[in-house]
């Protein structure tokens, strides 16, 4: 295991604006594991991999390179929990490493702001930080209580499912299994949460979200765990929207760091779980009862 003393936590847009529990839990967990998560001062949107890359590709890669360069100024690798941010930052990293002319142009742009992209530090997903940098054994030693009897569905997200690093899916599943819960593999695991479709047809996007949720209900899933803030937003808001149409969904959605913080012995209020819009408390109550309803 490679010892990590400090790492730059790229928060993206959703965590600091709408999902504070993910940021708080992440910082708590990393500190418990002996890793110092550094805030990246001046970081901006990654930017968004869906629209920005198509509309203004040079600006897109320049902004992404700038975010990585800000972490490099702190002499630290950069990591993110957001699948979209991970997609943007890793793509930019490879583009700037492989295209000398593009690298030169981007750095010309960045020099106007007194910063330079060097590409000397890694871009990592939270899965890689936890599994590869820290390691399962070290995580296991920190666990003080488990999610016994809790049936958990994993929302991997498209950009993890389709990522060339196929092992990310396996690693995430192993990280969830360490919590002592029952991982429920579903036929709908490859179905997108519905976010990209929202840009074109919100009704069809909600129908796609419903397909995913119905499969979870059918298989008696207690909660959903993920990293991707976009998936979180869609799966939680989707339930609330469908409930306004006479549905009755109540499957709480958690950032993985939250469940890990709980298993490390932290109470939900410490990482802001009260900001959830669905009944998150029932999950911890079930775990405390040993899986009894």
C-alpha atoms as a PDB file:
ATOM      1  CA  UNK A   1       0.000   0.000   0.000  1.00  0.00           C
ATOM      2  CA  UNK A   2       1.211   3.461  -0.880  1.00  0.00           C
ATOM      3  CA  UNK A   3       0.991   5.786   2.085  1.00  0.00           C
ATOM      4  CA  UNK A   4      -0.938   8.971   1.280  1.00  0.00           C
ATOM      5  CA  UNK A   5      -0.323  11.866   3.638  1.00  0.00           C
ATOM      6  CA  UNK A   6      -2.235  14.486   1.697  1.00  0.00           C
ATOM      7  CA  UNK A   7      -4.516  14.548  -1.305  1.00  0.00           C
ATOM      8  CA  UNK A   8      -6.452  17.312  -3.040  1.00  0.00           C
ATOM      9  CA  UNK A   9     -10.216  16.842  -2.704  1.00  0.00           C
ATOM     10  CA  UNK A  10     -11.859  18.157  -5.866  1.00  0.00           C
ATOM     11  CA  UNK A  11     -15.433  18.756  -4.736  1.00  0.00           C
ATOM     12  CA  UNK A  12     -17.031  19.676  -8.054  1.00  0.00           C
ATOM     13  CA  UNK A  13     -20.330  21.571  -7.998  1.00  0.00           C
ATOM     14  CA  UNK A  14     -22.924  19.340  -6.324  1.00  0.00           C
ATOM     15  CA  UNK A  15     -21.196  18.388  -3.071  1.00  0.00           C
ATOM     16  CA  UNK A  16     -20.500  21.893  -1.717  1.00  0.00           C
ATOM     17  CA  UNK A  17     -23.813  23.299  -2.978  1.00  0.00           C
ATOM     18  CA  UNK A  18     -26.411  20.578  -2.381  1.00  0.00           C
ATOM     19  CA  UNK A  19     -24.845  17.419  -0.910  1.00  0.00           C
ATOM     20  CA  UNK A  20     -22.816  18.674   2.019  1.00  0.00           C
ATOM     21  CA  UNK A  21     -23.108  15.310   3.773  1.00  0.00           C
ATOM     22  CA  UNK A  22     -20.925  13.751   1.057  1.00  0.00           C
ATOM     23  CA  UNK A  23     -18.168  16.299   1.550  1.00  0.00           C
ATOM     24  CA  UNK A  24     -18.358  16.167   5.356  1.00  0.00           C
ATOM     25  CA  UNK A  25     -18.388  12.366   5.530  1.00  0.00           C
ATOM     26  CA  UNK A  26     -15.531  12.127   3.051  1.00  0.00           C
ATOM     27  CA  UNK A  27     -13.307  14.409   5.076  1.00  0.00           C
ATOM     28  CA  UNK A  28     -14.165  12.593   8.314  1.00  0.00           C
ATOM     29  CA  UNK A  29     -13.380   9.190   6.845  1.00  0.00           C
ATOM     30  CA  UNK A  30     -10.113  10.207   5.213  1.00  0.00           C
ATOM     31  CA  UNK A  31      -8.837  11.790   8.407  1.00  0.00           C
ATOM     32  CA  UNK A  32      -9.729   8.595  10.285  1.00  0.00           C
ATOM     33  CA  UNK A  33      -7.605   6.731   7.762  1.00  0.00           C
ATOM     34  CA  UNK A  34      -4.633   9.049   8.187  1.00  0.00           C
ATOM     35  CA  UNK A  35      -5.117  11.000   4.960  1.00  0.00           C
ATOM     36  CA  UNK A  36      -5.326  14.793   4.897  1.00  0.00           C
ATOM     37  CA  UNK A  37      -7.953  15.984   2.357  1.00  0.00           C
ATOM     38  CA  UNK A  38      -6.898  19.383   1.042  1.00  0.00           C
ATOM     39  CA  UNK A  39      -9.365  21.961  -0.284  1.00  0.00           C
ATOM     40  CA  UNK A  40      -8.409  23.236  -3.739  1.00  0.00           C
ATOM     41  CA  UNK A  41      -8.561  27.003  -3.441  1.00  0.00           C
ATOM     42  CA  UNK A  42     -10.025  28.644  -6.535  1.00  0.00           C
ATOM     43  CA  UNK A  43     -11.324  25.441  -8.131  1.00  0.00           C
ATOM     44  CA  UNK A  44     -14.198  25.830 -10.558  1.00  0.00           C
ATOM     45  CA  UNK A  45     -16.682  23.549 -12.328  1.00  0.00           C
ATOM     46  CA  UNK A  46     -14.748  20.648 -13.890  1.00  0.00           C
ATOM     47  CA  UNK A  47     -16.400  21.688 -16.405  1.00  0.00           C
ATOM     48  CA  UNK A  48     -19.448  19.566 -17.236  1.00  0.00           C
ATOM     49  CA  UNK A  49     -18.550  16.703 -19.610  1.00  0.00           C
ATOM     50  CA  UNK A  50     -21.908  16.642 -21.393  1.00  0.00           C
ATOM     51  CA  UNK A  51     -22.369  20.165 -22.754  1.00  0.00           C
ATOM     52  CA  UNK A  52     -19.149  22.141 -22.266  1.00  0.00           C
ATOM     53  CA  UNK A  53     -16.961  19.629 -24.096  1.00  0.00           C
ATOM     54  CA  UNK A  54     -19.209  19.881 -27.170  1.00  0.00           C
ATOM     55  CA  UNK A  55     -19.811  23.626 -27.183  1.00  0.00           C
ATOM     56  CA  UNK A  56     -16.296  24.902 -26.395  1.00  0.00           C
ATOM     57  CA  UNK A  57     -13.717  22.063 -26.395  1.00  0.00           C
ATOM     58  CA  UNK A  58     -10.618  24.263 -25.942  1.00  0.00           C
ATOM     59  CA  UNK A  59     -12.168  26.178 -23.057  1.00  0.00           C
ATOM     60  CA  UNK A  60     -13.337  22.870 -21.590  1.00  0.00           C
ATOM     61  CA  UNK A  61      -9.860  21.325 -21.529  1.00  0.00           C
ATOM     62  CA  UNK A  62      -8.309  24.598 -20.349  1.00  0.00           C
ATOM     63  CA  UNK A  63     -10.633  24.790 -17.354  1.00  0.00           C
ATOM     64  CA  UNK A  64     -10.049  21.128 -16.549  1.00  0.00           C
ATOM     65  CA  UNK A  65      -6.279  21.595 -16.838  1.00  0.00           C
ATOM     66  CA  UNK A  66      -6.501  24.598 -14.540  1.00  0.00           C
ATOM     67  CA  UNK A  67      -8.265  22.580 -11.830  1.00  0.00           C
ATOM     68  CA  UNK A  68      -5.583  19.899 -11.978  1.00  0.00           C
ATOM     69  CA  UNK A  69      -2.859  22.568 -11.989  1.00  0.00           C
ATOM     70  CA  UNK A  70      -4.290  24.092  -8.801  1.00  0.00           C
ATOM     71  CA  UNK A  71      -3.870  20.725  -7.085  1.00  0.00           C
ATOM     72  CA  UNK A  72      -0.346  20.444  -8.494  1.00  0.00           C
ATOM     73  CA  UNK A  73       0.539  23.739  -6.823  1.00  0.00           C
ATOM     74  CA  UNK A  74      -0.124  21.944  -3.531  1.00  0.00           C
ATOM     75  CA  UNK A  75       2.092  19.047  -4.646  1.00  0.00           C
ATOM     76  CA  UNK A  76      -0.799  16.596  -4.338  1.00  0.00           C
ATOM     77  CA  UNK A  77      -2.734  14.094  -6.408  1.00  0.00           C
ATOM     78  CA  UNK A  78      -6.325  15.128  -7.032  1.00  0.00           C
ATOM     79  CA  UNK A  79      -9.398  12.973  -6.467  1.00  0.00           C
ATOM     80  CA  UNK A  80     -13.132  13.389  -6.834  1.00  0.00           C
ATOM     81  CA  UNK A  81     -16.268  11.479  -5.902  1.00  0.00           C
ATOM     82  CA  UNK A  82     -18.166  12.771  -8.949  1.00  0.00           C
ATOM     83  CA  UNK A  83     -18.201  10.419 -11.931  1.00  0.00           C
ATOM     84  CA  UNK A  84     -18.688  13.346 -14.309  1.00  0.00           C
ATOM     85  CA  UNK A  85     -15.791  15.302 -12.813  1.00  0.00           C
ATOM     86  CA  UNK A  86     -13.651  12.167 -12.934  1.00  0.00           C
ATOM     87  CA  UNK A  87     -14.504  11.714 -16.603  1.00  0.00           C
ATOM     88  CA  UNK A  88     -13.614  15.326 -17.421  1.00  0.00           C
ATOM     89  CA  UNK A  89     -10.392  15.488 -15.408  1.00  0.00           C
ATOM     90  CA  UNK A  90      -9.037  12.128 -16.590  1.00  0.00           C
ATOM     91  CA  UNK A  91      -9.856  12.888 -20.225  1.00  0.00           C
ATOM     92  CA  UNK A  92      -8.166  16.274 -19.962  1.00  0.00           C
ATOM     93  CA  UNK A  93      -5.168  14.673 -18.254  1.00  0.00           C
ATOM     94  CA  UNK A  94      -4.694  12.178 -21.098  1.00  0.00           C
ATOM     95  CA  UNK A  95      -5.323  14.781 -23.809  1.00  0.00           C
ATOM     96  CA  UNK A  96      -2.739  17.134 -22.361  1.00  0.00           C
ATOM     97  CA  UNK A  97      -0.246  14.283 -21.906  1.00  0.00           C
ATOM     98  CA  UNK A  98      -0.601  12.988 -25.452  1.00  0.00           C
ATOM     99  CA  UNK A  99      -1.080  16.176 -27.503  1.00  0.00           C
ATOM    100  CA  UNK A 100       1.944  18.453 -27.304  1.00  0.00           C
ATOM    101  CA  UNK A 101       0.319  21.252 -29.289  1.00  0.00           C
ATOM    102  CA  UNK A 102      -2.801  21.216 -27.136  1.00  0.00           C
ATOM    103  CA  UNK A 103      -0.661  21.211 -23.997  1.00  0.00           C
ATOM    104  CA  UNK A 104       1.191  24.261 -25.282  1.00  0.00           C
ATOM    105  CA  UNK A 105      -2.028  26.097 -26.151  1.00  0.00           C
ATOM    106  CA  UNK A 106      -3.667  25.336 -22.797  1.00  0.00           C
ATOM    107  CA  UNK A 107      -0.607  26.497 -20.888  1.00  0.00           C
ATOM    108  CA  UNK A 108      -0.542  29.699 -22.931  1.00  0.00           C
ATOM    109  CA  UNK A 109      -4.094  30.275 -21.730  1.00  0.00           C
ATOM    110  CA  UNK A 110      -3.253  29.397 -18.141  1.00  0.00           C
ATOM    111  CA  UNK A 111      -0.133  31.580 -18.027  1.00  0.00           C
ATOM    112  CA  UNK A 112      -2.404  34.614 -18.325  1.00  0.00           C
ATOM    113  CA  UNK A 113      -3.601  33.690 -14.835  1.00  0.00           C
ATOM    114  CA  UNK A 114      -0.174  32.844 -13.465  1.00  0.00           C
ATOM    115  CA  UNK A 115      -0.602  29.084 -13.419  1.00  0.00           C
ATOM    116  CA  UNK A 116       0.866  26.174 -15.390  1.00  0.00           C
ATOM    117  CA  UNK A 117      -0.283  22.607 -16.004  1.00  0.00           C
ATOM    118  CA  UNK A 118       2.499  20.055 -15.582  1.00  0.00           C
ATOM    119  CA  UNK A 119       0.708  16.719 -15.442  1.00  0.00           C
ATOM    120  CA  UNK A 120       2.962  15.343 -12.720  1.00  0.00           C
ATOM    121  CA  UNK A 121       0.200  14.240 -10.357  1.00  0.00           C
ATOM    122  CA  UNK A 122      -2.534  11.636 -10.699  1.00  0.00           C
ATOM    123  CA  UNK A 123      -6.259  12.118 -11.133  1.00  0.00           C
ATOM    124  CA  UNK A 124      -8.106   9.538  -9.036  1.00  0.00           C
ATOM    125  CA  UNK A 125     -11.649   8.520  -8.260  1.00  0.00           C
ATOM    126  CA  UNK A 126     -12.609   8.101  -4.610  1.00  0.00           C
ATOM    127  CA  UNK A 127     -12.859   4.368  -5.333  1.00  0.00           C
ATOM    128  CA  UNK A 128      -9.176   4.328  -6.293  1.00  0.00           C
ATOM    129  CA  UNK A 129      -8.180   6.363  -3.256  1.00  0.00           C
ATOM    130  CA  UNK A 130      -9.965   4.011  -0.878  1.00  0.00           C
ATOM    131  CA  UNK A 131      -9.118   0.729  -2.585  1.00  0.00           C
ATOM    132  CA  UNK A 132      -5.681   1.311  -4.104  1.00  0.00           C
ATOM    133  CA  UNK A 133      -4.093   4.083  -2.045  1.00  0.00           C
ATOM    134  CA  UNK A 134      -5.481   3.243   1.392  1.00  0.00           C
ATOM    135  CA  UNK A 135      -6.461  -0.405   0.989  1.00  0.00           C
ATOM    136  CA  UNK A 136      -9.242  -2.684   2.190  1.00  0.00           C
ATOM    137  CA  UNK A 137      -7.297  -4.038   5.155  1.00  0.00           C
ATOM    138  CA  UNK A 138      -6.725  -0.597   6.612  1.00  0.00           C
ATOM    139  CA  UNK A 139     -10.416   0.220   6.148  1.00  0.00           C
ATOM    140  CA  UNK A 140     -11.458  -3.021   7.840  1.00  0.00           C
ATOM    141  CA  UNK A 141      -9.373  -2.151  10.900  1.00  0.00           C
ATOM    142  CA  UNK A 142     -11.317   1.124  11.324  1.00  0.00           C
ATOM    143  CA  UNK A 143     -14.769  -0.469  11.206  1.00  0.00           C
ATOM    144  CA  UNK A 144     -16.476  -0.429  14.602  1.00  0.00           C
ATOM    145  CA  UNK A 145     -19.989  -1.473  13.577  1.00  0.00           C
ATOM    146  CA  UNK A 146     -21.571  -3.023  10.506  1.00  0.00           C
ATOM    147  CA  UNK A 147     -24.707  -2.676   8.420  1.00  0.00           C
ATOM    148  CA  UNK A 148     -25.878  -6.144   9.406  1.00  0.00           C
ATOM    149  CA  UNK A 149     -29.050  -7.238   7.625  1.00  0.00           C
ATOM    150  CA  UNK A 150     -29.261  -4.146   5.425  1.00  0.00           C
ATOM    151  CA  UNK A 151     -29.908  -4.908   1.743  1.00  0.00           C
ATOM    152  CA  UNK A 152     -27.958  -2.428  -0.371  1.00  0.00           C
ATOM    153  CA  UNK A 153     -28.146  -1.701  -4.096  1.00  0.00           C
ATOM    154  CA  UNK A 154     -25.088  -0.106  -5.676  1.00  0.00           C
ATOM    155  CA  UNK A 155     -25.595   2.669  -8.213  1.00  0.00           C
ATOM    156  CA  UNK A 156     -22.291   2.584 -10.065  1.00  0.00           C
ATOM    157  CA  UNK A 157     -23.174   5.263 -12.608  1.00  0.00           C
ATOM    158  CA  UNK A 158     -22.590   5.156 -16.361  1.00  0.00           C
ATOM    159  CA  UNK A 159     -19.152   6.703 -16.313  1.00  0.00           C
ATOM    160  CA  UNK A 160     -17.908   4.005 -13.951  1.00  0.00           C
ATOM    161  CA  UNK A 161     -19.729   1.193 -15.737  1.00  0.00           C
ATOM    162  CA  UNK A 162     -18.355   2.283 -19.118  1.00  0.00           C
ATOM    163  CA  UNK A 163     -14.923   3.406 -17.924  1.00  0.00           C
ATOM    164  CA  UNK A 164     -11.961   1.601 -19.551  1.00  0.00           C
ATOM    165  CA  UNK A 165     -10.805   0.801 -16.005  1.00  0.00           C
ATOM    166  CA  UNK A 166     -13.247  -2.102 -15.705  1.00  0.00           C
ATOM    167  CA  UNK A 167     -11.962  -2.958 -12.238  1.00  0.00           C
ATOM    168  CA  UNK A 168     -13.650   0.154 -10.767  1.00  0.00           C
ATOM    169  CA  UNK A 169     -16.971  -1.717 -10.619  1.00  0.00           C
ATOM    170  CA  UNK A 170     -15.399  -4.676  -8.820  1.00  0.00           C
ATOM    171  CA  UNK A 171     -13.511  -2.453  -6.406  1.00  0.00           C
ATOM    172  CA  UNK A 172     -16.611  -0.444  -5.533  1.00  0.00           C
ATOM    173  CA  UNK A 173     -18.564  -3.624  -4.871  1.00  0.00           C
ATOM    174  CA  UNK A 174     -15.823  -4.888  -2.548  1.00  0.00           C
ATOM    175  CA  UNK A 175     -15.767  -1.564  -0.711  1.00  0.00           C
ATOM    176  CA  UNK A 176     -19.510  -1.837  -0.105  1.00  0.00           C
ATOM    177  CA  UNK A 177     -19.314  -5.485   0.974  1.00  0.00           C
ATOM    178  CA  UNK A 178     -16.764  -4.534   3.650  1.00  0.00           C
ATOM    179  CA  UNK A 179     -19.552  -2.675   5.469  1.00  0.00           C
ATOM    180  CA  UNK A 180     -21.197  -5.975   6.404  1.00  0.00           C
ATOM    181  CA  UNK A 181     -24.359  -5.334   4.402  1.00  0.00           C
ATOM    182  CA  UNK A 182     -25.970  -7.610   1.850  1.00  0.00           C
ATOM    183  CA  UNK A 183     -25.103  -6.345  -1.641  1.00  0.00           C
ATOM    184  CA  UNK A 184     -28.086  -6.896  -3.921  1.00  0.00           C
ATOM    185  CA  UNK A 185     -27.115  -7.353  -7.579  1.00  0.00           C
ATOM    186  CA  UNK A 186     -29.963  -6.351  -9.880  1.00  0.00           C
ATOM    187  CA  UNK A 187     -30.916  -6.856 -13.513  1.00  0.00           C
ATOM    188  CA  UNK A 188     -31.241  -3.079 -13.781  1.00  0.00           C
ATOM    189  CA  UNK A 189     -27.683  -2.364 -12.572  1.00  0.00           C
ATOM    190  CA  UNK A 190     -26.696  -1.324 -16.095  1.00  0.00           C
ATOM    191  CA  UNK A 191     -29.624   1.057 -16.494  1.00  0.00           C
ATOM    192  CA  UNK A 192     -28.695   4.748 -16.401  1.00  0.00           C
ATOM    193  CA  UNK A 193     -30.281   6.760 -13.586  1.00  0.00           C
ATOM    194  CA  UNK A 194     -31.824   9.045 -16.227  1.00  0.00           C
ATOM    195  CA  UNK A 195     -29.750  12.234 -15.895  1.00  0.00           C
ATOM    196  CA  UNK A 196     -28.432  12.545 -19.488  1.00  0.00           C
ATOM    197  CA  UNK A 197     -31.917  11.970 -20.879  1.00  0.00           C
ATOM    198  CA  UNK A 198     -33.238  14.877 -18.795  1.00  0.00           C
ATOM    199  CA  UNK A 199     -31.546  17.276 -21.209  1.00  0.00           C
ATOM    200  CA  UNK A 200     -33.899  16.092 -23.967  1.00  0.00           C
ATOM    201  CA  UNK A 201     -36.997  14.536 -22.417  1.00  0.00           C
ATOM    202  CA  UNK A 202     -37.752  14.819 -18.700  1.00  0.00           C
ATOM    203  CA  UNK A 203     -40.754  12.511 -18.916  1.00  0.00           C
ATOM    204  CA  UNK A 204     -38.738   9.669 -20.433  1.00  0.00           C
ATOM    205  CA  UNK A 205     -35.935  10.321 -17.960  1.00  0.00           C
ATOM    206  CA  UNK A 206     -38.360   9.856 -15.076  1.00  0.00           C
ATOM    207  CA  UNK A 207     -39.664   6.650 -16.658  1.00  0.00           C
ATOM    208  CA  UNK A 208     -36.095   5.344 -16.778  1.00  0.00           C
ATOM    209  CA  UNK A 209     -35.564   6.270 -13.131  1.00  0.00           C
ATOM    210  CA  UNK A 210     -38.792   4.428 -12.304  1.00  0.00           C
ATOM    211  CA  UNK A 211     -37.533   1.259 -14.004  1.00  0.00           C
ATOM    212  CA  UNK A 212     -34.477   1.293 -11.761  1.00  0.00           C
ATOM    213  CA  UNK A 213     -36.501   1.966  -8.603  1.00  0.00           C
ATOM    214  CA  UNK A 214     -39.115  -0.686  -9.386  1.00  0.00           C
ATOM    215  CA  UNK A 215     -36.394  -3.316  -9.678  1.00  0.00           C
ATOM    216  CA  UNK A 216     -35.118  -2.282  -6.252  1.00  0.00           C
ATOM    217  CA  UNK A 217     -38.573  -2.480  -4.705  1.00  0.00           C
ATOM    218  CA  UNK A 218     -39.116  -5.907  -6.285  1.00  0.00           C
ATOM    219  CA  UNK A 219     -35.866  -7.139  -4.704  1.00  0.00           C
ATOM    220  CA  UNK A 220     -36.564  -5.556  -1.298  1.00  0.00           C
ATOM    221  CA  UNK A 221     -33.636  -3.164  -1.359  1.00  0.00           C
ATOM    222  CA  UNK A 222     -33.309  -1.096   1.840  1.00  0.00           C
ATOM    223  CA  UNK A 223     -31.067   1.662   0.513  1.00  0.00           C
ATOM    224  CA  UNK A 224     -28.945   2.808  -2.409  1.00  0.00           C
ATOM    225  CA  UNK A 225     -25.229   3.591  -2.171  1.00  0.00           C
ATOM    226  CA  UNK A 226     -23.210   5.544  -4.714  1.00  0.00           C
ATOM    227  CA  UNK A 227     -20.573   8.194  -5.245  1.00  0.00           C
ATOM    228  CA  UNK A 228     -21.987  10.066  -8.240  1.00  0.00           C
ATOM    229  CA  UNK A 229     -23.814  13.265  -7.164  1.00  0.00           C
ATOM    230  CA  UNK A 230     -25.837  13.316 -10.398  1.00  0.00           C
ATOM    231  CA  UNK A 231     -27.112   9.781  -9.746  1.00  0.00           C
ATOM    232  CA  UNK A 232     -27.869  10.791  -6.166  1.00  0.00           C
ATOM    233  CA  UNK A 233     -29.890  13.792  -7.272  1.00  0.00           C
ATOM    234  CA  UNK A 234     -31.875  11.805  -9.834  1.00  0.00           C
ATOM    235  CA  UNK A 235     -32.629   8.791  -7.636  1.00  0.00           C
ATOM    236  CA  UNK A 236     -33.701  10.871  -4.645  1.00  0.00           C
ATOM    237  CA  UNK A 237     -35.629  13.557  -6.532  1.00  0.00           C
ATOM    238  CA  UNK A 238     -37.067  10.918  -8.840  1.00  0.00           C
ATOM    239  CA  UNK A 239     -38.677   9.202  -5.881  1.00  0.00           C
ATOM    240  CA  UNK A 240     -40.121  12.483  -4.628  1.00  0.00           C
ATOM    241  CA  UNK A 241     -41.477  13.343  -8.092  1.00  0.00           C
ATOM    242  CA  UNK A 242     -43.023   9.905  -8.553  1.00  0.00           C
ATOM    243  CA  UNK A 243     -44.537  10.052  -5.070  1.00  0.00           C
ATOM    244  CA  UNK A 244     -46.393  13.189  -6.165  1.00  0.00           C
ATOM    245  CA  UNK A 245     -47.950  10.972  -8.829  1.00  0.00           C
ATOM    246  CA  UNK A 246     -49.334   8.563  -6.197  1.00  0.00           C
ATOM    247  CA  UNK A 247     -46.268   6.305  -5.960  1.00  0.00           C
ATOM    248  CA  UNK A 248     -44.863   5.338  -2.555  1.00  0.00           C
ATOM    249  CA  UNK A 249     -41.094   5.061  -2.874  1.00  0.00           C
ATOM    250  CA  UNK A 250     -38.926   5.404   0.221  1.00  0.00           C
ATOM    251  CA  UNK A 251     -35.470   4.050  -0.585  1.00  0.00           C
ATOM    252  CA  UNK A 252     -32.879   6.344   1.016  1.00  0.00           C
ATOM    253  CA  UNK A 253     -29.818   7.188  -1.079  1.00  0.00           C
ATOM    254  CA  UNK A 254     -26.364   7.503   0.496  1.00  0.00           C
ATOM    255  CA  UNK A 255     -22.983   8.693  -0.611  1.00  0.00           C
ATOM    256  CA  UNK A 256     -20.638   5.787   0.177  1.00  0.00           C
ATOM    257  CA  UNK A 257     -18.576   7.978   2.481  1.00  0.00           C
ATOM    258  CA  UNK A 258     -21.646   8.404   4.726  1.00  0.00           C
ATOM    259  CA  UNK A 259     -22.101   4.686   5.288  1.00  0.00           C
ATOM    260  CA  UNK A 260     -18.376   4.279   5.842  1.00  0.00           C
ATOM    261  CA  UNK A 261     -18.371   7.109   8.406  1.00  0.00           C
ATOM    262  CA  UNK A 262     -21.257   5.437  10.244  1.00  0.00           C
ATOM    263  CA  UNK A 263     -19.414   2.105  10.261  1.00  0.00           C
ATOM    264  CA  UNK A 264     -16.336   3.900  11.597  1.00  0.00           C
ATOM    265  CA  UNK A 265     -18.437   4.858  14.633  1.00  0.00           C
ATOM    266  CA  UNK A 266     -19.564   8.372  13.684  1.00  0.00           C
ATOM    267  CA  UNK A 267     -23.154   9.436  14.268  1.00  0.00           C
ATOM    268  CA  UNK A 268     -25.243  10.606  11.275  1.00  0.00           C
ATOM    269  CA  UNK A 269     -25.544  14.157  12.606  1.00  0.00           C
ATOM    270  CA  UNK A 270     -21.759  14.518  12.457  1.00  0.00           C
ATOM    271  CA  UNK A 271     -21.821  14.405   8.657  1.00  0.00           C
ATOM    272  CA  UNK A 272     -25.179  16.084   8.097  1.00  0.00           C
ATOM    273  CA  UNK A 273     -27.361  13.098   7.247  1.00  0.00           C
ATOM    274  CA  UNK A 274     -30.375  15.133   8.388  1.00  0.00           C
ATOM    275  CA  UNK A 275     -30.172  16.925   5.032  1.00  0.00           C
ATOM    276  CA  UNK A 276     -31.512  13.831   3.295  1.00  0.00           C
ATOM    277  CA  UNK A 277     -35.076  14.075   1.993  1.00  0.00           C
ATOM    278  CA  UNK A 278     -35.952  10.408   2.529  1.00  0.00           C
ATOM    279  CA  UNK A 279     -36.002   8.377   5.750  1.00  0.00           C
ATOM    280  CA  UNK A 280     -32.307   7.617   6.277  1.00  0.00           C
ATOM    281  CA  UNK A 281     -32.691   6.817   9.996  1.00  0.00           C
ATOM    282  CA  UNK A 282     -34.455   3.510   9.376  1.00  0.00           C
ATOM    283  CA  UNK A 283     -31.285   2.122   7.786  1.00  0.00           C
ATOM    284  CA  UNK A 284     -29.139   2.759  10.832  1.00  0.00           C
ATOM    285  CA  UNK A 285     -31.905   1.524  13.130  1.00  0.00           C
ATOM    286  CA  UNK A 286     -32.080  -1.740  11.183  1.00  0.00           C
ATOM    287  CA  UNK A 287     -28.296  -2.126  11.383  1.00  0.00           C
ATOM    288  CA  UNK A 288     -28.365  -1.546  15.135  1.00  0.00           C
ATOM    289  CA  UNK A 289     -31.063  -4.198  15.546  1.00  0.00           C
ATOM    290  CA  UNK A 290     -28.956  -6.741  13.706  1.00  0.00           C
ATOM    291  CA  UNK A 291     -31.118  -6.661  10.610  1.00  0.00           C
ATOM    292  CA  UNK A 292     -34.453  -7.075  12.348  1.00  0.00           C
ATOM    293  CA  UNK A 293     -37.198  -4.800  10.934  1.00  0.00           C
END
